[in-house]
Protein backbone atom coordinates (compact mmCIF):
# COMPACT_ATOMS: atom_id res chain seq x y z
CA MET A 1 -50.32 14.92 49.84
CA LYS A 2 -52.19 18.06 50.77
CA VAL A 3 -53.46 18.42 54.33
CA ALA A 4 -55.86 21.18 55.40
CA VAL A 5 -54.81 22.75 58.71
CA LEU A 6 -57.54 24.66 60.56
CA SER A 7 -57.94 26.16 63.99
CA ASP A 8 -60.29 28.34 66.01
CA ILE A 9 -63.57 28.00 64.14
CA HIS A 10 -65.52 29.26 67.18
CA ASP A 11 -68.78 28.13 65.54
CA HIS A 12 -68.34 30.49 62.58
CA ILE A 13 -70.15 28.15 60.21
CA TRP A 14 -70.15 30.59 57.30
CA ASN A 15 -66.35 30.74 57.11
CA LEU A 16 -66.18 27.00 57.71
CA GLU A 17 -68.34 26.47 54.63
CA LYS A 18 -65.94 28.64 52.60
CA ALA A 19 -62.99 26.64 53.92
CA LYS A 20 -64.65 23.32 53.06
CA LYS A 21 -65.09 24.41 49.43
CA ILE A 22 -61.40 25.32 49.18
CA ILE A 23 -60.34 22.08 50.88
CA LYS A 24 -62.28 20.12 48.27
CA LYS A 25 -61.03 22.23 45.35
CA GLU A 26 -57.40 21.89 46.48
CA GLY A 27 -57.69 18.10 46.76
CA SER A 28 -56.75 17.75 50.42
CA GLY A 29 -56.48 14.18 51.64
CA ALA A 30 -56.83 14.89 55.37
CA VAL A 31 -57.62 17.62 57.88
CA ILE A 32 -55.68 18.61 60.99
CA PHE A 33 -57.63 20.68 63.48
CA CYS A 34 -55.83 22.60 66.25
CA GLY A 35 -58.71 23.19 68.65
CA ASP A 36 -61.64 25.51 69.40
CA MET A 37 -64.50 24.27 67.27
CA CYS A 38 -66.72 25.11 70.27
CA ALA A 39 -70.05 23.29 69.83
CA PRO A 40 -70.93 19.80 68.59
CA PHE A 41 -72.85 21.07 65.54
CA THR A 42 -69.59 22.56 64.20
CA THR A 43 -67.94 19.15 64.44
CA SER A 44 -70.65 17.61 62.29
CA LEU A 45 -70.21 20.34 59.66
CA LEU A 46 -66.43 19.83 59.58
CA SER A 47 -66.89 16.08 59.20
CA GLU A 48 -68.84 16.70 55.98
CA THR A 49 -65.47 16.91 54.20
CA GLY A 50 -65.46 13.10 54.37
CA LEU A 51 -61.73 13.26 55.13
CA PRO A 52 -59.84 11.82 58.08
CA THR A 53 -59.91 14.69 60.57
CA TYR A 54 -57.28 14.64 63.30
CA THR A 55 -58.18 16.96 66.16
CA VAL A 56 -57.02 18.21 69.53
CA TRP A 57 -59.17 20.14 71.97
CA GLY A 58 -58.91 23.87 72.59
CA ASN A 59 -59.78 25.92 75.64
CA VAL A 60 -63.36 26.70 74.55
CA ASP A 61 -64.45 23.33 73.17
CA GLU A 62 -67.58 22.13 74.95
CA ASP A 63 -69.27 18.75 75.32
CA HIS A 64 -66.40 16.65 74.02
CA TRP A 65 -68.46 13.47 74.06
CA ALA A 66 -71.12 15.00 71.77
CA MET A 67 -68.42 16.45 69.52
CA VAL A 68 -66.89 13.00 69.03
CA GLN A 69 -70.34 11.54 68.33
CA LYS A 70 -71.20 14.28 65.80
CA GLY A 71 -67.79 13.92 64.15
CA GLY A 72 -68.51 10.35 63.16
CA GLU A 73 -66.00 7.79 61.95
CA ASN A 74 -63.76 10.36 60.22
CA LEU A 75 -62.99 12.27 63.44
CA ILE A 76 -59.83 11.11 65.19
CA ALA A 77 -59.87 13.03 68.48
CA VAL A 78 -57.25 12.81 71.20
CA PRO A 79 -58.29 11.99 74.77
CA LEU A 80 -58.97 15.01 76.99
CA THR A 81 -55.83 14.31 78.99
CA GLN A 82 -53.59 14.57 75.94
CA GLU A 83 -52.32 18.06 75.05
CA PHE A 84 -51.03 17.22 71.58
CA HIS A 85 -51.30 14.59 68.91
CA GLU A 86 -48.95 13.23 66.32
CA VAL A 87 -49.62 11.58 63.02
CA GLU A 88 -47.53 10.39 60.10
CA LEU A 89 -48.89 11.33 56.68
CA ASN A 90 -47.03 10.62 53.46
CA GLU A 91 -43.90 9.78 55.50
CA ARG A 92 -43.97 13.16 57.30
CA LYS A 93 -44.02 13.24 61.10
CA ILE A 94 -46.53 15.87 62.15
CA ALA A 95 -47.40 17.12 65.64
CA PHE A 96 -50.23 19.49 66.46
CA CYS A 97 -51.71 21.12 69.53
CA HIS A 98 -53.75 24.15 70.53
CA TYR A 99 -51.30 26.23 72.52
CA PRO A 100 -48.33 28.09 70.96
CA MET A 101 -45.84 27.41 73.78
CA LEU A 102 -46.36 23.66 73.42
CA GLY A 103 -46.05 24.02 69.64
CA LYS A 104 -42.75 25.83 70.11
CA LEU A 105 -41.44 23.13 72.45
CA LEU A 106 -42.50 20.36 70.06
CA ALA A 107 -40.75 22.13 67.17
CA GLU A 108 -37.57 22.56 69.19
CA THR A 109 -37.28 18.78 69.58
CA ARG A 110 -36.63 18.68 65.83
CA TYR A 111 -38.24 15.25 65.82
CA TYR A 112 -41.12 16.37 63.61
CA ASP A 113 -41.21 17.56 60.02
CA ALA A 114 -44.07 19.93 60.86
CA VAL A 115 -45.75 21.27 64.01
CA PHE A 116 -49.05 23.16 63.94
CA HIS A 117 -50.87 25.05 66.69
CA GLY A 118 -53.71 27.55 67.10
CA HIS A 119 -55.06 29.66 69.98
CA THR A 120 -53.60 33.08 69.09
CA HIS A 121 -55.71 33.49 65.92
CA MET A 122 -52.64 34.94 64.20
CA GLN A 123 -51.23 33.11 61.21
CA TYR A 124 -47.51 32.63 60.65
CA HIS A 125 -45.03 30.00 59.58
CA LYS A 126 -41.31 29.61 60.08
CA MET A 127 -38.61 26.97 60.16
CA VAL A 128 -37.00 25.76 63.37
CA GLY A 129 -34.09 23.79 61.99
CA ASN A 130 -35.75 21.40 59.53
CA THR A 131 -39.11 21.60 61.31
CA LEU A 132 -41.89 23.73 59.88
CA VAL A 133 -43.91 25.39 62.65
CA ALA A 134 -47.12 27.20 61.76
CA ASN A 135 -50.36 28.68 63.03
CA PRO A 136 -53.09 28.66 60.35
CA GLY A 137 -54.88 31.61 61.95
CA ALA A 138 -58.54 31.55 62.89
CA VAL A 139 -61.37 30.36 60.68
CA CYS A 140 -63.64 32.65 62.71
CA GLY A 141 -61.72 35.76 61.69
CA ILE A 142 -61.57 37.30 65.15
CA VAL A 143 -58.10 38.56 66.02
CA LYS A 144 -57.33 40.19 69.36
CA GLY A 145 -61.05 40.57 70.06
CA ARG A 146 -61.79 42.36 66.80
CA GLU A 147 -62.75 41.52 63.26
CA GLY A 148 -59.65 40.36 61.43
CA LEU A 149 -58.43 37.99 58.78
CA ALA A 150 -60.21 34.63 58.66
CA SER A 151 -57.80 31.99 57.39
CA PHE A 152 -56.50 28.45 57.30
CA MET A 153 -53.57 26.69 55.64
CA ILE A 154 -52.93 23.75 53.41
CA TYR A 155 -49.80 21.78 54.19
CA ASP A 156 -48.00 20.07 51.32
CA THR A 157 -46.21 16.97 52.58
CA ASP A 158 -44.22 16.67 49.34
CA ASN A 159 -42.19 19.82 49.99
CA ASN A 160 -42.93 20.52 53.70
CA THR A 161 -44.52 23.91 53.02
CA VAL A 162 -47.81 25.64 53.78
CA GLN A 163 -50.06 27.90 51.75
CA LEU A 164 -52.30 30.44 53.48
CA PHE A 165 -55.92 30.67 52.36
CA LYS A 166 -57.82 33.83 53.24
CA LEU A 167 -61.54 33.53 53.90
CA GLY A 168 -62.14 37.27 54.22
CA ASN A 169 -62.88 39.24 57.34
CA GLY A 170 -64.67 37.62 60.28
């Protein structure tokens, strides 16, 4: 199963539209979102994939109630008091959160097959034991306050790997 992993859209709807086309073309069966959509209208655009979309909140997400409403039945959002979420897809245990330190701690438990996080806007992936830990980068393409690489990843549950997709500069 292919799972699109996105983070840090920051209302950049143009790059989100590019990502949605790739998600469809690649045949993703679900979306994991690691926080910072920002406004409710972005949630409704993301939900247009028609895929189950598992999401945690980031530090700049606003009006959570409206975001859940705009996300519709496909949006599976964690409660505000929950810092991370876990889901099992295709027999893979996956955890995801917004903040890198929590992602690191979750990976170090070695309980999960994969752990994803956002926040830094910088993409990477590595193995911690048998756990894949990755940051898909930022859909918005802003890195360290400047225009940078806009990106997301697709996770392949069959082989526990990710592929980076570049959306261009912010």
